[in-house]
Amino acid sequence: MLVSQPYDLSKFNKIREHCSHCELKFKIEPSFFYGSMYVSYGLGVGLSVSIYLFQLLLGLHLGMIQVFFLITGLLILLMPYINALSKVLWANLFFRYDPTFKSKHNKID
């Protein structure tokens, strides 16, 4: 679905026009993937809460500033992956995989 892997920053955030396997058009409208920002926000909040709980389970009991910098640093490092994952999850809300899509739409009537 993505043009390259998430950490290739020269092609960051670029989506293919069509699926290379079934030719499904990904860009159904110009601002379609803006909705993935909501998914990205949810993933970021979920990851932040998980990091906080994980450091408590490890018995670290870091101060508020230390936890803030830990969460912020990890979110910055994982931002390309979170962004790519949010686009895939957003698209899966609207697209359904159909292995016969290409053969159905390439028939000559």
PDB file of N, CA and C in Angstrom:
ATOM      1  N   MET A   1       0.812  -1.188   0.000  1.00  0.00           N
ATOM      2  CA  MET A   1       0.000   0.000   0.000  1.00  0.00           C
ATOM      3  C   MET A   1       0.862   1.262   0.000  1.00  0.00           C
ATOM      4  N   LEU A   2       1.936   1.248   0.776  1.00  0.00           N
ATOM      5  CA  LEU A   2       2.847   2.391   0.809  1.00  0.00           C
ATOM      6  C   LEU A   2       3.877   2.270  -0.301  1.00  0.00           C
ATOM      7  N   VAL A   3       4.397   3.399  -0.743  1.00  0.00           N
ATOM      8  CA  VAL A   3       5.401   3.416  -1.799  1.00  0.00           C
ATOM      9  C   VAL A   3       6.692   2.748  -1.338  1.00  0.00           C
ATOM     10  N   SER A   4       7.064   2.958  -0.084  1.00  0.00           N
ATOM     11  CA  SER A   4       8.273   2.336   0.464  1.00  0.00           C
ATOM     12  C   SER A   4       8.056   2.049   1.946  1.00  0.00           C
ATOM     13  N   GLN A   5       9.087   1.543   2.592  1.00  0.00           N
ATOM     14  CA  GLN A   5       8.978   1.251   4.020  1.00  0.00           C
ATOM     15  C   GLN A   5       8.852   2.562   4.810  1.00  0.00           C
ATOM     16  N   PRO A   6       8.238   2.525   5.995  1.00  0.00           N
ATOM     17  CA  PRO A   6       7.929   3.760   6.734  1.00  0.00           C
ATOM     18  C   PRO A   6       9.128   4.637   7.082  1.00  0.00           C
ATOM     19  N   TYR A   7      10.301   4.065   7.270  1.00  0.00           N
ATOM     20  CA  TYR A   7      11.451   4.861   7.696  1.00  0.00           C
ATOM     21  C   TYR A   7      12.276   5.405   6.530  1.00  0.00           C
ATOM     22  N   ASP A   8      11.802   5.229   5.307  1.00  0.00           N
ATOM     23  CA  ASP A   8      12.431   5.866   4.144  1.00  0.00           C
ATOM     24  C   ASP A   8      11.848   7.273   4.058  1.00  0.00           C
ATOM     25  N   LEU A   9      12.516   8.230   4.687  1.00  0.00           N
ATOM     26  CA  LEU A   9      11.952   9.566   4.846  1.00  0.00           C
ATOM     27  C   LEU A   9      11.847  10.348   3.540  1.00  0.00           C
ATOM     28  N   SER A  10      12.536   9.918   2.481  1.00  0.00           N
ATOM     29  CA  SER A  10      12.393  10.610   1.196  1.00  0.00           C
ATOM     30  C   SER A  10      11.037  10.305   0.559  1.00  0.00           C
ATOM     31  N   LYS A  11      10.423   9.187   0.932  1.00  0.00           N
ATOM     32  CA  LYS A  11       9.104   8.822   0.398  1.00  0.00           C
ATOM     33  C   LYS A  11       8.085   8.697   1.527  1.00  0.00           C
ATOM     34  N   PHE A  12       8.332   9.413   2.605  1.00  0.00           N
ATOM     35  CA  PHE A  12       7.471   9.355   3.783  1.00  0.00           C
ATOM     36  C   PHE A  12       6.044   9.753   3.431  1.00  0.00           C
ATOM     37  N   ASN A  13       5.098   8.968   3.880  1.00  0.00           N
ATOM     38  CA  ASN A  13       3.678   9.312   3.787  1.00  0.00           C
ATOM     39  C   ASN A  13       3.113   9.184   2.372  1.00  0.00           C
ATOM     40  N   LYS A  14       3.780   8.495   1.467  1.00  0.00           N
ATOM     41  CA  LYS A  14       3.285   8.372   0.093  1.00  0.00           C
ATOM     42  C   LYS A  14       2.576   7.041  -0.094  1.00  0.00           C
ATOM     43  N   ILE A  15       1.395   7.127  -0.677  1.00  0.00           N
ATOM     44  CA  ILE A  15       0.543   5.967  -0.927  1.00  0.00           C
ATOM     45  C   ILE A  15       0.543   5.667  -2.417  1.00  0.00           C
ATOM     46  N   ARG A  16       0.534   4.382  -2.757  1.00  0.00           N
ATOM     47  CA  ARG A  16       0.431   3.987  -4.168  1.00  0.00           C
ATOM     48  C   ARG A  16      -0.939   4.385  -4.712  1.00  0.00           C
ATOM     49  N   GLU A  17      -1.002   4.621  -6.002  1.00  0.00           N
ATOM     50  CA  GLU A  17      -2.282   4.933  -6.642  1.00  0.00           C
ATOM     51  C   GLU A  17      -3.187   3.703  -6.659  1.00  0.00           C
ATOM     52  N   HIS A  18      -2.602   2.536  -6.991  1.00  0.00           N
ATOM     53  CA  HIS A  18      -3.362   1.293  -7.136  1.00  0.00           C
ATOM     54  C   HIS A  18      -2.628   0.159  -6.428  1.00  0.00           C
ATOM     55  N   CYS A  19      -3.380  -0.868  -6.059  1.00  0.00           N
ATOM     56  CA  CYS A  19      -2.793  -2.077  -5.496  1.00  0.00           C
ATOM     57  C   CYS A  19      -2.023  -2.807  -6.593  1.00  0.00           C
ATOM     58  N   SER A  20      -0.812  -3.245  -6.301  1.00  0.00           N
ATOM     59  CA  SER A  20       0.000  -3.934  -7.305  1.00  0.00           C
ATOM     60  C   SER A  20      -0.515  -5.337  -7.589  1.00  0.00           C
ATOM     61  N   HIS A  21      -1.346  -5.878  -6.721  1.00  0.00           N
ATOM     62  CA  HIS A  21      -1.858  -7.237  -6.913  1.00  0.00           C
ATOM     63  C   HIS A  21      -3.216  -7.250  -7.624  1.00  0.00           C
ATOM     64  N   CYS A  22      -4.156  -6.432  -7.134  1.00  0.00           N
ATOM     65  CA  CYS A  22      -5.521  -6.505  -7.671  1.00  0.00           C
ATOM     66  C   CYS A  22      -5.961  -5.244  -8.404  1.00  0.00           C
ATOM     67  N   GLU A  23      -5.119  -4.222  -8.477  1.00  0.00           N
ATOM     68  CA  GLU A  23      -5.404  -2.957  -9.164  1.00  0.00           C
ATOM     69  C   GLU A  23      -6.500  -2.125  -8.497  1.00  0.00           C
ATOM     70  N   LEU A  24      -6.797  -2.372  -7.228  1.00  0.00           N
ATOM     71  CA  LEU A  24      -7.768  -1.565  -6.494  1.00  0.00           C
ATOM     72  C   LEU A  24      -7.217  -0.155  -6.334  1.00  0.00           C
ATOM     73  N   LYS A  25      -8.041   0.847  -6.606  1.00  0.00           N
ATOM     74  CA  LYS A  25      -7.607   2.235  -6.495  1.00  0.00           C
ATOM     75  C   LYS A  25      -7.641   2.660  -5.026  1.00  0.00           C
ATOM     76  N   PHE A  26      -6.473   3.050  -4.470  1.00  0.00           N
ATOM     77  CA  PHE A  26      -6.382   3.451  -3.073  1.00  0.00           C
ATOM     78  C   PHE A  26      -6.853   4.885  -2.853  1.00  0.00           C
ATOM     79  N   LYS A  27      -6.525   5.764  -3.757  1.00  0.00           N
ATOM     80  CA  LYS A  27      -6.856   7.182  -3.586  1.00  0.00           C
ATOM     81  C   LYS A  27      -8.231   7.445  -4.188  1.00  0.00           C
ATOM     82  N   ILE A  28      -9.274   7.157  -3.406  1.00  0.00           N
ATOM     83  CA  ILE A  28     -10.628   7.308  -3.922  1.00  0.00           C
ATOM     84  C   ILE A  28     -11.087   8.764  -3.930  1.00  0.00           C
ATOM     85  N   GLU A  29     -10.436   9.613  -3.171  1.00  0.00           N
ATOM     86  CA  GLU A  29     -10.668  11.052  -3.206  1.00  0.00           C
ATOM     87  C   GLU A  29      -9.411  11.738  -2.663  1.00  0.00           C
ATOM     88  N   PRO A  30      -9.193  13.001  -2.998  1.00  0.00           N
ATOM     89  CA  PRO A  30      -7.925  13.659  -2.631  1.00  0.00           C
ATOM     90  C   PRO A  30      -7.618  13.683  -1.134  1.00  0.00           C
ATOM     91  N   SER A  31      -8.593  13.865  -0.296  1.00  0.00           N
ATOM     92  CA  SER A  31      -8.323  13.979   1.137  1.00  0.00           C
ATOM     93  C   SER A  31      -8.761  12.739   1.917  1.00  0.00           C
ATOM     94  N   PHE A  32      -8.823  11.610   1.268  1.00  0.00           N
ATOM     95  CA  PHE A  32      -9.319  10.387   1.906  1.00  0.00           C
ATOM     96  C   PHE A  32      -8.506  10.005   3.140  1.00  0.00           C
ATOM     97  N   PHE A  33      -7.193  10.096   3.065  1.00  0.00           N
ATOM     98  CA  PHE A  33      -6.355   9.632   4.163  1.00  0.00           C
ATOM     99  C   PHE A  33      -6.209  10.647   5.293  1.00  0.00           C
ATOM    100  N   TYR A  34      -6.883  11.793   5.212  1.00  0.00           N
ATOM    101  CA  TYR A  34      -6.887  12.716   6.349  1.00  0.00           C
ATOM    102  C   TYR A  34      -7.543  12.065   7.564  1.00  0.00           C
ATOM    103  N   GLY A  35      -8.485  11.177   7.328  1.00  0.00           N
ATOM    104  CA  GLY A  35      -9.155  10.479   8.419  1.00  0.00           C
ATOM    105  C   GLY A  35      -8.222   9.587   9.213  1.00  0.00           C
ATOM    106  N   SER A  36      -7.098   9.213   8.601  1.00  0.00           N
ATOM    107  CA  SER A  36      -6.149   8.352   9.329  1.00  0.00           C
ATOM    108  C   SER A  36      -5.488   9.104  10.475  1.00  0.00           C
ATOM    109  N   MET A  37      -5.617  10.429  10.502  1.00  0.00           N
ATOM    110  CA  MET A  37      -5.071  11.194  11.626  1.00  0.00           C
ATOM    111  C   MET A  37      -5.774  10.821  12.928  1.00  0.00           C
ATOM    112  N   TYR A  38      -7.073  10.503  12.845  1.00  0.00           N
ATOM    113  CA  TYR A  38      -7.807  10.091  14.048  1.00  0.00           C
ATOM    114  C   TYR A  38      -7.282   8.750  14.554  1.00  0.00           C
ATOM    115  N   VAL A  39      -7.000   7.848  13.632  1.00  0.00           N
ATOM    116  CA  VAL A  39      -6.446   6.546  13.999  1.00  0.00           C
ATOM    117  C   VAL A  39      -5.048   6.730  14.585  1.00  0.00           C
ATOM    118  N   SER A  40      -4.250   7.600  13.984  1.00  0.00           N
ATOM    119  CA  SER A  40      -2.905   7.874  14.475  1.00  0.00           C
ATOM    120  C   SER A  40      -2.945   8.451  15.889  1.00  0.00           C
ATOM    121  N   TYR A  41      -3.881   9.329  16.132  1.00  0.00           N
ATOM    122  CA  TYR A  41      -4.036   9.898  17.478  1.00  0.00           C
ATOM    123  C   TYR A  41      -4.359   8.797  18.487  1.00  0.00           C
ATOM    124  N   GLY A  42      -5.289   7.930  18.132  1.00  0.00           N
ATOM    125  CA  GLY A  42      -5.650   6.824  19.020  1.00  0.00           C
ATOM    126  C   GLY A  42      -4.486   5.892  19.283  1.00  0.00           C
ATOM    127  N   LEU A  43      -3.714   5.589  18.239  1.00  0.00           N
ATOM    128  CA  LEU A  43      -2.538   4.737  18.416  1.00  0.00           C
ATOM    129  C   LEU A  43      -1.504   5.410  19.322  1.00  0.00           C
ATOM    130  N   GLY A  44      -1.325   6.712  19.143  1.00  0.00           N
ATOM    131  CA  GLY A  44      -0.369   7.454  19.967  1.00  0.00           C
ATOM    132  C   GLY A  44      -0.770   7.483  21.428  1.00  0.00           C
ATOM    133  N   VAL A  45      -2.055   7.710  21.687  1.00  0.00           N
ATOM    134  CA  VAL A  45      -2.545   7.727  23.070  1.00  0.00           C
ATOM    135  C   VAL A  45      -2.421   6.333  23.676  1.00  0.00           C
ATOM    136  N   GLY A  46      -2.811   5.314  22.923  1.00  0.00           N
ATOM    137  CA  GLY A  46      -2.700   3.941  23.424  1.00  0.00           C
ATOM    138  C   GLY A  46      -1.263   3.558  23.729  1.00  0.00           C
ATOM    139  N   LEU A  47      -0.355   3.960  22.861  1.00  0.00           N
ATOM    140  CA  LEU A  47       1.060   3.667  23.083  1.00  0.00           C
ATOM    141  C   LEU A  47       1.591   4.429  24.299  1.00  0.00           C
ATOM    142  N   SER A  48       1.164   5.671  24.463  1.00  0.00           N
ATOM    143  CA  SER A  48       1.607   6.469  25.613  1.00  0.00           C
ATOM    144  C   SER A  48       1.157   5.846  26.928  1.00  0.00           C
ATOM    145  N   VAL A  49      -0.086   5.428  26.992  1.00  0.00           N
ATOM    146  CA  VAL A  49      -0.602   4.790  28.203  1.00  0.00           C
ATOM    147  C   VAL A  49       0.139   3.475  28.458  1.00  0.00           C
ATOM    148  N   SER A  50       0.387   2.729  27.376  1.00  0.00           N
ATOM    149  CA  SER A  50       1.106   1.455  27.517  1.00  0.00           C
ATOM    150  C   SER A  50       2.523   1.657  28.042  1.00  0.00           C
ATOM    151  N   ILE A  51       3.202   2.675  27.533  1.00  0.00           N
ATOM    152  CA  ILE A  51       4.566   2.973  27.995  1.00  0.00           C
ATOM    153  C   ILE A  51       4.544   3.337  29.478  1.00  0.00           C
ATOM    154  N   TYR A  52       3.584   4.162  29.864  1.00  0.00           N
ATOM    155  CA  TYR A  52       3.488   4.567  31.275  1.00  0.00           C
ATOM    156  C   TYR A  52       3.252   3.352  32.166  1.00  0.00           C
ATOM    157  N   LEU A  53       2.285   2.503  31.791  1.00  0.00           N
ATOM    158  CA  LEU A  53       1.988   1.321  32.600  1.00  0.00           C
ATOM    159  C   LEU A  53       3.161   0.348  32.617  1.00  0.00           C
ATOM    160  N   PHE A  54       3.847   0.217  31.482  1.00  0.00           N
ATOM    161  CA  PHE A  54       4.982  -0.694  31.401  1.00  0.00           C
ATOM    162  C   PHE A  54       6.113  -0.261  32.327  1.00  0.00           C
ATOM    163  N   GLN A  55       6.380   1.041  32.388  1.00  0.00           N
ATOM    164  CA  GLN A  55       7.451   1.500  33.285  1.00  0.00           C
ATOM    165  C   GLN A  55       7.051   1.311  34.739  1.00  0.00           C
ATOM    166  N   LEU A  56       5.751   1.391  35.049  1.00  0.00           N
ATOM    167  CA  LEU A  56       5.307   1.104  36.423  1.00  0.00           C
ATOM    168  C   LEU A  56       5.458  -0.379  36.743  1.00  0.00           C
ATOM    169  N   LEU A  57       5.118  -1.247  35.779  1.00  0.00           N
ATOM    170  CA  LEU A  57       5.255  -2.694  35.991  1.00  0.00           C
ATOM    171  C   LEU A  57       6.712  -3.106  36.183  1.00  0.00           C
ATOM    172  N   LEU A  58       7.612  -2.398  35.523  1.00  0.00           N
ATOM    173  CA  LEU A  58       9.034  -2.688  35.692  1.00  0.00           C
ATOM    174  C   LEU A  58       9.575  -2.164  37.021  1.00  0.00           C
ATOM    175  N   GLY A  59       8.752  -1.385  37.701  1.00  0.00           N
ATOM    176  CA  GLY A  59       9.174  -0.848  38.995  1.00  0.00           C
ATOM    177  C   GLY A  59      10.089   0.349  38.873  1.00  0.00           C
ATOM    178  N   LEU A  60      10.050   1.046  37.752  1.00  0.00           N
ATOM    179  CA  LEU A  60      10.943   2.188  37.550  1.00  0.00           C
ATOM    180  C   LEU A  60      10.488   3.413  38.341  1.00  0.00           C
ATOM    181  N   HIS A  61       9.178   3.674  38.405  1.00  0.00           N
ATOM    182  CA  HIS A  61       8.614   4.807  39.132  1.00  0.00           C
ATOM    183  C   HIS A  61       9.354   6.102  38.800  1.00  0.00           C
ATOM    184  N   LEU A  62       9.418   6.408  37.519  1.00  0.00           N
ATOM    185  CA  LEU A  62      10.078   7.621  37.056  1.00  0.00           C
ATOM    186  C   LEU A  62       9.264   8.849  37.439  1.00  0.00           C
ATOM    187  N   GLY A  63       9.922   9.993  37.490  1.00  0.00           N
ATOM    188  CA  GLY A  63       9.232  11.253  37.751  1.00  0.00           C
ATOM    189  C   GLY A  63       8.419  11.672  36.537  1.00  0.00           C
ATOM    190  N   MET A  64       7.563  12.655  36.739  1.00  0.00           N
ATOM    191  CA  MET A  64       6.664  13.095  35.675  1.00  0.00           C
ATOM    192  C   MET A  64       7.441  13.600  34.454  1.00  0.00           C
ATOM    193  N   ILE A  65       8.492  14.351  34.657  1.00  0.00           N
ATOM    194  CA  ILE A  65       9.296  14.876  33.545  1.00  0.00           C
ATOM    195  C   ILE A  65      10.005  13.738  32.809  1.00  0.00           C
ATOM    196  N   GLN A  66      10.520  12.777  33.560  1.00  0.00           N
ATOM    197  CA  GLN A  66      11.205  11.637  32.937  1.00  0.00           C
ATOM    198  C   GLN A  66      10.238  10.803  32.099  1.00  0.00           C
ATOM    199  N   VAL A  67       9.031  10.580  32.615  1.00  0.00           N
ATOM    200  CA  VAL A  67       8.019   9.838  31.859  1.00  0.00           C
ATOM    201  C   VAL A  67       7.635  10.617  30.607  1.00  0.00           C
ATOM    202  N   PHE A  68       7.493  11.939  30.742  1.00  0.00           N
ATOM    203  CA  PHE A  68       7.156  12.783  29.593  1.00  0.00           C
ATOM    204  C   PHE A  68       8.212  12.639  28.492  1.00  0.00           C
ATOM    205  N   PHE A  69       9.482  12.734  28.856  1.00  0.00           N
ATOM    206  CA  PHE A  69      10.546  12.618  27.853  1.00  0.00           C
ATOM    207  C   PHE A  69      10.653  11.204  27.290  1.00  0.00           C
ATOM    208  N   LEU A  70      10.395  10.196  28.100  1.00  0.00           N
ATOM    209  CA  LEU A  70      10.400   8.816  27.620  1.00  0.00           C
ATOM    210  C   LEU A  70       9.305   8.611  26.575  1.00  0.00           C
ATOM    211  N   ILE A  71       8.095   9.037  26.900  1.00  0.00           N
ATOM    212  CA  ILE A  71       6.966   8.873  25.972  1.00  0.00           C
ATOM    213  C   ILE A  71       7.177   9.704  24.716  1.00  0.00           C
ATOM    214  N   THR A  72       7.598  10.945  24.873  1.00  0.00           N
ATOM    215  CA  THR A  72       7.820  11.822  23.713  1.00  0.00           C
ATOM    216  C   THR A  72       8.904  11.253  22.800  1.00  0.00           C
ATOM    217  N   GLY A  73       9.995  10.789  23.381  1.00  0.00           N
ATOM    218  CA  GLY A  73      11.083  10.214  22.578  1.00  0.00           C
ATOM    219  C   GLY A  73      10.642   8.982  21.800  1.00  0.00           C
ATOM    220  N   LEU A  74       9.914   8.086  22.474  1.00  0.00           N
ATOM    221  CA  LEU A  74       9.454   6.880  21.791  1.00  0.00           C
ATOM    222  C   LEU A  74       8.420   7.199  20.715  1.00  0.00           C
ATOM    223  N   LEU A  75       7.546   8.166  20.959  1.00  0.00           N
ATOM    224  CA  LEU A  75       6.571   8.556  19.933  1.00  0.00           C
ATOM    225  C   LEU A  75       7.259   9.162  18.715  1.00  0.00           C
ATOM    226  N   ILE A  76       8.302   9.947  18.936  1.00  0.00           N
ATOM    227  CA  ILE A  76       9.045  10.525  17.806  1.00  0.00           C
ATOM    228  C   ILE A  76       9.748   9.428  17.012  1.00  0.00           C
ATOM    229  N   LEU A  77      10.369   8.485  17.713  1.00  0.00           N
ATOM    230  CA  LEU A  77      11.048   7.383  17.021  1.00  0.00           C
ATOM    231  C   LEU A  77      10.072   6.495  16.247  1.00  0.00           C
ATOM    232  N   LEU A  78       8.884   6.300  16.783  1.00  0.00           N
ATOM    233  CA  LEU A  78       7.899   5.410  16.157  1.00  0.00           C
ATOM    234  C   LEU A  78       6.925   6.133  15.228  1.00  0.00           C
ATOM    235  N   MET A  79       7.053   7.458  15.094  1.00  0.00           N
ATOM    236  CA  MET A  79       6.112   8.233  14.283  1.00  0.00           C
ATOM    237  C   MET A  79       5.931   7.704  12.856  1.00  0.00           C
ATOM    238  N   PRO A  80       7.000   7.394  12.110  1.00  0.00           N
ATOM    239  CA  PRO A  80       6.768   6.880  10.751  1.00  0.00           C
ATOM    240  C   PRO A  80       5.978   5.574  10.732  1.00  0.00           C
ATOM    241  N   TYR A  81       6.269   4.693  11.668  1.00  0.00           N
ATOM    242  CA  TYR A  81       5.551   3.418  11.728  1.00  0.00           C
ATOM    243  C   TYR A  81       4.092   3.624  12.140  1.00  0.00           C
ATOM    244  N   ILE A  82       3.844   4.490  13.112  1.00  0.00           N
ATOM    245  CA  ILE A  82       2.475   4.785  13.547  1.00  0.00           C
ATOM    246  C   ILE A  82       1.683   5.400  12.396  1.00  0.00           C
ATOM    247  N   ASN A  83       2.315   6.303  11.661  1.00  0.00           N
ATOM    248  CA  ASN A  83       1.652   6.945  10.526  1.00  0.00           C
ATOM    249  C   ASN A  83       1.277   5.919   9.458  1.00  0.00           C
ATOM    250  N   ALA A  84       2.200   5.032   9.128  1.00  0.00           N
ATOM    251  CA  ALA A  84       1.924   4.007   8.113  1.00  0.00           C
ATOM    252  C   ALA A  84       0.837   3.051   8.594  1.00  0.00           C
ATOM    253  N   LEU A  85       0.924   2.627   9.837  1.00  0.00           N
ATOM    254  CA  LEU A  85      -0.075   1.712  10.387  1.00  0.00           C
ATOM    255  C   LEU A  85      -1.458   2.352  10.419  1.00  0.00           C
ATOM    256  N   SER A  86      -1.523   3.635  10.740  1.00  0.00           N
ATOM    257  CA  SER A  86      -2.821   4.317  10.787  1.00  0.00           C
ATOM    258  C   SER A  86      -3.451   4.411   9.400  1.00  0.00           C
ATOM    259  N   LYS A  87      -2.645   4.606   8.365  1.00  0.00           N
ATOM    260  CA  LYS A  87      -3.186   4.642   6.998  1.00  0.00           C
ATOM    261  C   LYS A  87      -3.735   3.279   6.589  1.00  0.00           C
ATOM    262  N   VAL A  88      -3.016   2.221   6.945  1.00  0.00           N
ATOM    263  CA  VAL A  88      -3.469   0.870   6.612  1.00  0.00           C
ATOM    264  C   VAL A  88      -4.761   0.552   7.367  1.00  0.00           C
ATOM    265  N   LEU A  89      -4.818   0.885   8.651  1.00  0.00           N
ATOM    266  CA  LEU A  89      -6.025   0.624   9.429  1.00  0.00           C
ATOM    267  C   LEU A  89      -7.209   1.445   8.914  1.00  0.00           C
ATOM    268  N   TRP A  90      -6.964   2.702   8.566  1.00  0.00           N
ATOM    269  CA  TRP A  90      -8.029   3.559   8.037  1.00  0.00           C
ATOM    270  C   TRP A  90      -8.567   2.992   6.720  1.00  0.00           C
ATOM    271  N   ALA A  91      -7.683   2.574   5.852  1.00  0.00           N
ATOM    272  CA  ALA A  91      -8.113   2.028   4.565  1.00  0.00           C
ATOM    273  C   ALA A  91      -8.901   0.734   4.759  1.00  0.00           C
ATOM    274  N   ASN A  92      -8.515  -0.071   5.741  1.00  0.00           N
ATOM    275  CA  ASN A  92      -9.215  -1.332   5.976  1.00  0.00           C
ATOM    276  C   ASN A  92     -10.630  -1.129   6.518  1.00  0.00           C
ATOM    277  N   LEU A  93     -10.942   0.053   6.992  1.00  0.00           N
ATOM    278  CA  LEU A  93     -12.321   0.345   7.373  1.00  0.00           C
ATOM    279  C   LEU A  93     -13.211   0.505   6.147  1.00  0.00           C
ATOM    280  N   PHE A  94     -12.619   0.861   5.009  1.00  0.00           N
ATOM    281  CA  PHE A  94     -13.403   1.168   3.813  1.00  0.00           C
ATOM    282  C   PHE A  94     -13.196   0.187   2.665  1.00  0.00           C
ATOM    283  N   PHE A  95     -12.044  -0.458   2.594  1.00  0.00           N
ATOM    284  CA  PHE A  95     -11.752  -1.408   1.520  1.00  0.00           C
ATOM    285  C   PHE A  95     -11.832  -2.820   2.066  1.00  0.00           C
ATOM    286  N   ARG A  96     -12.316  -3.706   1.233  1.00  0.00           N
ATOM    287  CA  ARG A  96     -12.351  -5.113   1.601  1.00  0.00           C
ATOM    288  C   ARG A  96     -11.572  -5.875   0.545  1.00  0.00           C
ATOM    289  N   TYR A  97     -10.729  -6.792   0.972  1.00  0.00           N
ATOM    290  CA  TYR A  97      -9.921  -7.553   0.028  1.00  0.00           C
ATOM    291  C   TYR A  97     -10.799  -8.511  -0.758  1.00  0.00           C
ATOM    292  N   ASP A  98     -10.682  -8.439  -2.061  1.00  0.00           N
ATOM    293  CA  ASP A  98     -11.410  -9.339  -2.954  1.00  0.00           C
ATOM    294  C   ASP A  98     -10.392  -9.932  -3.917  1.00  0.00           C
ATOM    295  N   PRO A  99     -10.017 -11.205  -3.746  1.00  0.00           N
ATOM    296  CA  PRO A  99      -8.981 -11.794  -4.599  1.00  0.00           C
ATOM    297  C   PRO A  99      -9.393 -11.892  -6.064  1.00  0.00           C
ATOM    298  N   THR A 100     -10.674 -11.782  -6.358  1.00  0.00           N
ATOM    299  CA  THR A 100     -11.134 -11.876  -7.748  1.00  0.00           C
ATOM    300  C   THR A 100     -11.395 -10.502  -8.365  1.00  0.00           C
ATOM    301  N   PHE A 101     -11.034  -9.416  -7.679  1.00  0.00           N
ATOM    302  CA  PHE A 101     -11.311  -8.064  -8.158  1.00  0.00           C
ATOM    303  C   PHE A 101     -10.718  -7.813  -9.544  1.00  0.00           C
ATOM    304  N   LYS A 102      -9.458  -8.165  -9.732  1.00  0.00           N
ATOM    305  CA  LYS A 102      -8.778  -7.906 -11.000  1.00  0.00           C
ATOM    306  C   LYS A 102      -9.430  -8.690 -12.131  1.00  0.00           C
ATOM    307  N   SER A 103      -9.750  -9.960 -11.899  1.00  0.00           N
ATOM    308  CA  SER A 103     -10.350 -10.760 -12.959  1.00  0.00           C
ATOM    309  C   SER A 103     -11.765 -10.299 -13.284  1.00  0.00           C
ATOM    310  N   LYS A 104     -12.502  -9.797 -12.313  1.00  0.00           N
ATOM    311  CA  LYS A 104     -13.858  -9.291 -12.551  1.00  0.00           C
ATOM    312  C   LYS A 104     -13.842  -8.035 -13.400  1.00  0.00           C
ATOM    313  N   HIS A 105     -12.885  -7.146 -13.129  1.00  0.00           N
ATOM    314  CA  HIS A 105     -12.871  -5.850 -13.793  1.00  0.00           C
ATOM    315  C   HIS A 105     -12.053  -5.815 -15.075  1.00  0.00           C
ATOM    316  N   ASN A 106     -11.347  -6.884 -15.404  1.00  0.00           N
ATOM    317  CA  ASN A 106     -10.566  -6.929 -16.627  1.00  0.00           C
ATOM    318  C   ASN A 106     -11.237  -7.741 -17.713  1.00  0.00           C
ATOM    319  N   LYS A 107     -12.455  -8.205 -17.499  1.00  0.00           N
ATOM    320  CA  LYS A 107     -13.171  -8.978 -18.510  1.00  0.00           C
ATOM    321  C   LYS A 107     -13.667  -8.063 -19.614  1.00  0.00           C
ATOM    322  N   ILE A 108     -13.635  -8.568 -20.823  1.00  0.00           N
ATOM    323  CA  ILE A 108     -14.165  -7.824 -21.964  1.00  0.00           C
ATOM    324  C   ILE A 108     -15.598  -8.295 -22.177  1.00  0.00           C
ATOM    325  N   ASP A 109     -16.532  -7.369 -22.090  1.00  0.00           N
ATOM    326  CA  ASP A 109     -17.947  -7.732 -22.233  1.00  0.00           C
ATOM    327  C   ASP A 109     -18.384  -7.706 -23.689  1.00  0.00           C
TER     328      ASP A 109
END
